[in-house]
């Protein structure tokens, strides 16, 4: 007896991870990426908000005495995740030519 082997459809996925300090700039960049992908009929999943990374720093106000006088600062890094299923060559080319504002960091992985 022979078993019929069902081949799964090989789906490629483009995973885009976007990071920025300001959430408004980040949301505008994500909207621009999604609009570009939808223009070329790609299937988009997301944007999925990832946990905000908070870095806190404590600094002494005085250099010598008054050790209890301290200042605290924090930096918040907002993150979003976008998955594009079965991207074509036109989608990838359009995303590479996309101009995004400064302060927005993008990591792209092909899965």
N, C-alpha and C. Protein backbone atom coordinates (compact mmCIF):
# COMPACT_ATOMS: atom_id res chain seq x y z
N UNK A 1 0.83 -1.18 0.00
CA UNK A 1 0.00 0.00 0.00
C UNK A 1 0.88 1.24 0.00
N UNK A 2 0.45 2.23 -0.75
CA UNK A 2 1.19 3.49 -0.79
C UNK A 2 0.35 4.58 -0.15
N UNK A 3 1.03 5.37 0.60
CA UNK A 3 0.34 6.48 1.26
C UNK A 3 0.53 7.74 0.41
N UNK A 4 -0.54 8.45 0.27
CA UNK A 4 -0.42 9.71 -0.46
C UNK A 4 0.06 10.79 0.50
N UNK A 5 1.10 11.45 0.10
CA UNK A 5 1.68 12.48 0.95
C UNK A 5 1.10 13.83 0.52
N UNK A 6 0.50 14.49 1.47
CA UNK A 6 -0.04 15.81 1.19
C UNK A 6 1.04 16.84 1.42
N UNK A 7 1.30 17.61 0.39
CA UNK A 7 2.29 18.65 0.52
C UNK A 7 1.63 19.92 1.04
N UNK A 8 2.24 20.47 2.02
CA UNK A 8 1.72 21.71 2.57
C UNK A 8 2.15 22.86 1.66
N UNK A 9 1.28 23.85 1.58
CA UNK A 9 1.64 25.04 0.83
C UNK A 9 2.73 25.78 1.60
N UNK A 10 3.82 26.00 0.91
CA UNK A 10 4.92 26.70 1.55
C UNK A 10 4.58 28.19 1.57
N UNK A 11 4.45 28.73 2.75
CA UNK A 11 4.13 30.14 2.87
C UNK A 11 5.34 30.87 3.41
N UNK A 12 5.70 31.93 2.75
CA UNK A 12 6.78 32.78 3.21
C UNK A 12 6.18 33.92 3.98
N UNK A 13 6.89 34.34 5.00
CA UNK A 13 6.38 35.40 5.85
C UNK A 13 7.48 36.44 6.04
N UNK A 14 7.10 37.68 5.90
CA UNK A 14 8.01 38.79 6.14
C UNK A 14 7.64 39.38 7.49
N UNK A 15 8.53 39.29 8.47
CA UNK A 15 8.25 39.79 9.81
C UNK A 15 8.99 41.11 10.00
N UNK A 16 8.22 42.16 10.25
CA UNK A 16 8.79 43.50 10.41
C UNK A 16 8.58 43.93 11.85
N UNK A 17 9.67 44.30 12.50
CA UNK A 17 9.62 44.77 13.88
C UNK A 17 10.04 46.24 13.88
N UNK A 18 9.15 47.10 14.34
CA UNK A 18 9.38 48.54 14.29
C UNK A 18 9.51 49.07 15.71
N UNK A 19 10.53 49.91 15.95
CA UNK A 19 10.78 50.47 17.28
C UNK A 19 10.99 51.97 17.17
N UNK A 20 10.49 52.72 18.18
CA UNK A 20 10.69 54.16 18.21
C UNK A 20 10.47 54.66 19.63
N UNK A 21 10.98 55.87 19.90
CA UNK A 21 10.80 56.48 21.22
C UNK A 21 9.42 57.14 21.33
N UNK A 22 8.92 57.69 20.23
CA UNK A 22 7.63 58.39 20.25
C UNK A 22 6.57 57.50 19.61
N UNK A 23 5.46 57.30 20.30
CA UNK A 23 4.44 56.38 19.80
C UNK A 23 3.67 56.96 18.62
N UNK A 24 3.54 58.26 18.52
CA UNK A 24 2.81 58.85 17.38
C UNK A 24 3.59 58.67 16.08
N UNK A 25 4.89 58.88 16.14
CA UNK A 25 5.74 58.67 14.97
C UNK A 25 5.74 57.21 14.58
N UNK A 26 5.75 56.33 15.58
CA UNK A 26 5.73 54.89 15.34
C UNK A 26 4.43 54.47 14.66
N UNK A 27 3.29 54.96 15.15
CA UNK A 27 2.00 54.59 14.56
C UNK A 27 1.88 55.09 13.13
N UNK A 28 2.39 56.28 12.84
CA UNK A 28 2.36 56.79 11.47
C UNK A 28 3.24 55.95 10.54
N UNK A 29 4.39 55.51 11.03
CA UNK A 29 5.28 54.67 10.23
C UNK A 29 4.65 53.31 9.95
N UNK A 30 4.00 52.74 10.97
CA UNK A 30 3.34 51.44 10.81
C UNK A 30 2.20 51.54 9.80
N UNK A 31 1.45 52.62 9.87
CA UNK A 31 0.34 52.83 8.93
C UNK A 31 0.87 52.95 7.50
N UNK A 32 2.00 53.63 7.34
CA UNK A 32 2.62 53.78 6.02
C UNK A 32 3.09 52.42 5.48
N UNK A 33 3.66 51.58 6.34
CA UNK A 33 4.11 50.24 5.92
C UNK A 33 2.92 49.38 5.52
N UNK A 34 1.85 49.41 6.30
CA UNK A 34 0.68 48.60 6.01
C UNK A 34 -0.01 49.07 4.72
N UNK A 35 -0.12 50.37 4.52
CA UNK A 35 -0.71 50.89 3.29
C UNK A 35 0.08 50.49 2.06
N UNK A 36 1.40 50.48 2.19
CA UNK A 36 2.25 50.06 1.07
C UNK A 36 2.06 48.59 0.76
N UNK A 37 1.96 47.75 1.80
CA UNK A 37 1.78 46.31 1.58
C UNK A 37 0.40 46.02 0.99
N UNK A 38 -0.63 46.73 1.46
CA UNK A 38 -1.99 46.48 0.96
C UNK A 38 -2.16 46.99 -0.47
N UNK A 39 -1.38 47.97 -0.87
CA UNK A 39 -1.45 48.49 -2.24
C UNK A 39 -1.08 47.41 -3.26
N UNK A 40 -0.19 46.49 -2.86
CA UNK A 40 0.23 45.41 -3.75
C UNK A 40 -0.45 44.09 -3.41
N UNK A 41 -1.61 44.14 -2.77
CA UNK A 41 -2.45 42.97 -2.47
C UNK A 41 -1.73 41.91 -1.65
N UNK A 42 -1.00 42.32 -0.65
CA UNK A 42 -0.36 41.37 0.26
C UNK A 42 -1.25 41.23 1.50
N UNK A 43 -1.21 40.06 2.11
CA UNK A 43 -2.00 39.81 3.31
C UNK A 43 -1.19 40.25 4.52
N UNK A 44 -1.78 41.16 5.30
CA UNK A 44 -1.07 41.75 6.43
C UNK A 44 -1.71 41.31 7.74
N UNK A 45 -0.87 40.91 8.69
CA UNK A 45 -1.34 40.59 10.05
C UNK A 45 -0.69 41.59 10.99
N UNK A 46 -1.49 42.32 11.70
CA UNK A 46 -0.93 43.26 12.66
C UNK A 46 -1.46 44.65 12.41
N UNK A 47 -0.95 45.63 13.04
CA UNK A 47 0.23 45.66 13.90
C UNK A 47 -0.07 45.13 15.30
N UNK A 48 0.83 44.32 15.80
CA UNK A 48 0.71 43.76 17.14
C UNK A 48 1.59 44.58 18.07
N UNK A 49 1.00 45.20 19.10
CA UNK A 49 1.85 45.96 20.03
C UNK A 49 2.64 45.02 20.93
N UNK A 50 3.93 45.26 21.02
CA UNK A 50 4.80 44.50 21.90
C UNK A 50 5.01 45.30 23.19
N UNK A 51 5.47 44.66 24.26
CA UNK A 51 5.65 45.40 25.52
C UNK A 51 6.62 46.57 25.37
N UNK A 52 6.28 47.68 26.01
CA UNK A 52 7.13 48.86 25.98
C UNK A 52 8.34 48.63 26.88
N UNK A 53 9.50 48.88 26.32
CA UNK A 53 10.75 48.70 27.06
C UNK A 53 11.05 50.01 27.80
N UNK A 54 11.19 49.95 29.12
CA UNK A 54 11.42 51.15 29.92
C UNK A 54 12.80 51.05 30.56
N UNK A 55 13.63 52.03 30.28
CA UNK A 55 14.96 52.10 30.90
C UNK A 55 14.95 53.27 31.87
N UNK A 56 15.24 52.98 33.15
CA UNK A 56 15.23 54.01 34.18
C UNK A 56 16.65 54.28 34.66
N UNK A 57 16.94 55.57 34.87
CA UNK A 57 18.25 56.00 35.35
C UNK A 57 18.06 56.89 36.56
N UNK A 58 18.85 56.67 37.60
CA UNK A 58 18.83 57.50 38.81
C UNK A 58 20.17 58.20 38.91
N UNK A 59 20.12 59.54 39.09
CA UNK A 59 21.32 60.36 39.12
C UNK A 59 21.31 61.19 40.39
N UNK A 60 22.47 61.31 41.04
CA UNK A 60 22.59 62.19 42.20
C UNK A 60 22.56 63.64 41.75
N UNK A 61 21.81 64.48 42.45
CA UNK A 61 21.77 65.90 42.11
C UNK A 61 23.05 66.61 42.53
N UNK A 62 23.52 66.28 43.68
CA UNK A 62 24.72 66.91 44.21
C UNK A 62 25.90 65.97 44.03
N UNK A 63 27.06 66.54 43.84
CA UNK A 63 28.24 65.70 43.62
C UNK A 63 28.89 65.23 44.91
N UNK A 64 28.69 65.97 46.02
CA UNK A 64 29.46 65.65 47.21
C UNK A 64 28.57 65.28 48.39
N UNK A 65 27.69 66.18 48.80
CA UNK A 65 26.81 65.89 49.92
C UNK A 65 25.37 65.84 49.44
N UNK A 66 24.43 65.72 50.32
CA UNK A 66 23.00 65.61 50.00
C UNK A 66 22.74 64.37 49.12
N UNK A 67 23.15 63.23 49.65
CA UNK A 67 23.01 61.99 48.87
C UNK A 67 21.55 61.62 48.64
N UNK A 68 20.64 62.10 49.48
CA UNK A 68 19.23 61.76 49.30
C UNK A 68 18.56 62.56 48.20
N UNK A 69 19.20 63.59 47.70
CA UNK A 69 18.63 64.39 46.62
C UNK A 69 19.00 63.73 45.29
N UNK A 70 18.05 63.08 44.68
CA UNK A 70 18.30 62.34 43.43
C UNK A 70 17.26 62.69 42.38
N UNK A 71 17.64 62.52 41.13
CA UNK A 71 16.71 62.71 40.02
C UNK A 71 16.57 61.37 39.31
N UNK A 72 15.38 61.12 38.79
CA UNK A 72 15.15 59.89 38.04
C UNK A 72 14.68 60.24 36.63
N UNK A 73 15.26 59.55 35.66
CA UNK A 73 14.90 59.73 34.26
C UNK A 73 14.53 58.37 33.68
N UNK A 74 13.71 58.38 32.64
CA UNK A 74 13.36 57.12 31.98
C UNK A 74 13.24 57.33 30.48
N UNK A 75 13.54 56.28 29.74
CA UNK A 75 13.37 56.26 28.29
C UNK A 75 12.39 55.13 27.98
N UNK A 76 11.39 55.43 27.18
CA UNK A 76 10.42 54.41 26.78
C UNK A 76 10.62 54.09 25.31
N UNK A 77 10.74 52.81 25.00
CA UNK A 77 10.89 52.36 23.61
C UNK A 77 9.64 51.57 23.26
N UNK A 78 8.84 52.12 22.35
CA UNK A 78 7.60 51.49 21.92
C UNK A 78 7.90 50.58 20.73
N UNK A 79 7.21 49.42 20.68
CA UNK A 79 7.50 48.42 19.63
C UNK A 79 6.20 47.91 19.02
N UNK A 80 6.25 47.62 17.73
CA UNK A 80 5.13 47.02 17.01
C UNK A 80 5.67 45.89 16.13
N UNK A 81 4.81 44.90 15.85
CA UNK A 81 5.18 43.75 15.02
C UNK A 81 4.17 43.63 13.89
N UNK A 82 4.66 43.50 12.66
CA UNK A 82 3.81 43.35 11.48
C UNK A 82 4.26 42.11 10.72
N UNK A 83 3.31 41.24 10.36
CA UNK A 83 3.61 40.07 9.53
C UNK A 83 2.94 40.26 8.18
N UNK A 84 3.71 40.03 7.12
CA UNK A 84 3.18 40.09 5.76
C UNK A 84 3.33 38.70 5.18
N UNK A 85 2.19 38.07 4.85
CA UNK A 85 2.20 36.70 4.34
C UNK A 85 2.32 36.70 2.82
N UNK A 86 3.15 35.80 2.32
CA UNK A 86 3.40 35.62 0.89
C UNK A 86 3.69 36.95 0.18
N UNK A 87 4.76 37.65 0.57
CA UNK A 87 5.07 38.91 -0.10
C UNK A 87 5.67 38.66 -1.48
N UNK A 88 5.24 39.44 -2.43
CA UNK A 88 5.79 39.33 -3.77
C UNK A 88 7.03 40.21 -3.90
N UNK A 89 7.64 40.15 -5.06
CA UNK A 89 8.84 40.95 -5.30
C UNK A 89 8.52 42.44 -5.29
N UNK A 90 7.34 42.79 -5.77
CA UNK A 90 6.96 44.20 -5.82
C UNK A 90 6.75 44.76 -4.41
N UNK A 91 6.21 43.93 -3.51
CA UNK A 91 5.99 44.37 -2.13
C UNK A 91 7.32 44.63 -1.44
N UNK A 92 8.27 43.72 -1.62
CA UNK A 92 9.58 43.86 -0.98
C UNK A 92 10.31 45.08 -1.54
N UNK A 93 10.21 45.28 -2.84
CA UNK A 93 10.86 46.44 -3.46
C UNK A 93 10.24 47.75 -2.97
N UNK A 94 8.91 47.77 -2.85
CA UNK A 94 8.24 48.98 -2.38
C UNK A 94 8.58 49.28 -0.93
N UNK A 95 8.73 48.24 -0.10
CA UNK A 95 9.08 48.45 1.30
C UNK A 95 10.52 48.92 1.47
N UNK A 96 11.43 48.48 0.60
CA UNK A 96 12.81 48.94 0.71
C UNK A 96 12.95 50.39 0.26
N UNK A 97 12.10 50.85 -0.65
CA UNK A 97 12.17 52.22 -1.13
C UNK A 97 11.37 53.19 -0.26
N UNK A 98 10.76 52.69 0.80
CA UNK A 98 9.92 53.50 1.68
C UNK A 98 10.80 54.41 2.54
N UNK A 99 10.46 55.68 2.59
CA UNK A 99 11.22 56.61 3.44
C UNK A 99 10.42 56.88 4.71
N UNK A 100 11.01 56.53 5.83
CA UNK A 100 10.38 56.69 7.13
C UNK A 100 11.11 57.77 7.92
N UNK A 101 10.44 58.39 8.89
CA UNK A 101 11.10 59.46 9.65
C UNK A 101 12.27 58.95 10.48
N UNK A 102 13.15 59.87 10.84
CA UNK A 102 14.30 59.49 11.67
C UNK A 102 13.81 59.14 13.07
N UNK A 103 14.52 58.27 13.72
CA UNK A 103 14.12 57.82 15.05
C UNK A 103 13.31 56.55 15.03
N UNK A 104 13.00 56.03 13.83
CA UNK A 104 12.25 54.79 13.70
C UNK A 104 13.22 53.71 13.25
N UNK A 105 13.32 52.65 14.05
CA UNK A 105 14.23 51.54 13.76
C UNK A 105 13.42 50.36 13.24
N UNK A 106 13.88 49.75 12.15
CA UNK A 106 13.13 48.66 11.52
C UNK A 106 14.03 47.43 11.41
N UNK A 107 13.50 46.29 11.84
CA UNK A 107 14.18 45.00 11.66
C UNK A 107 13.27 44.14 10.79
N UNK A 108 13.81 43.61 9.70
CA UNK A 108 13.03 42.79 8.77
C UNK A 108 13.64 41.40 8.71
N UNK A 109 12.78 40.38 8.89
CA UNK A 109 13.24 38.99 8.80
C UNK A 109 12.34 38.24 7.82
N UNK A 110 12.93 37.39 7.02
CA UNK A 110 12.19 36.54 6.10
C UNK A 110 12.09 35.17 6.73
N UNK A 111 10.86 34.67 6.92
CA UNK A 111 10.67 33.38 7.57
C UNK A 111 10.03 32.42 6.61
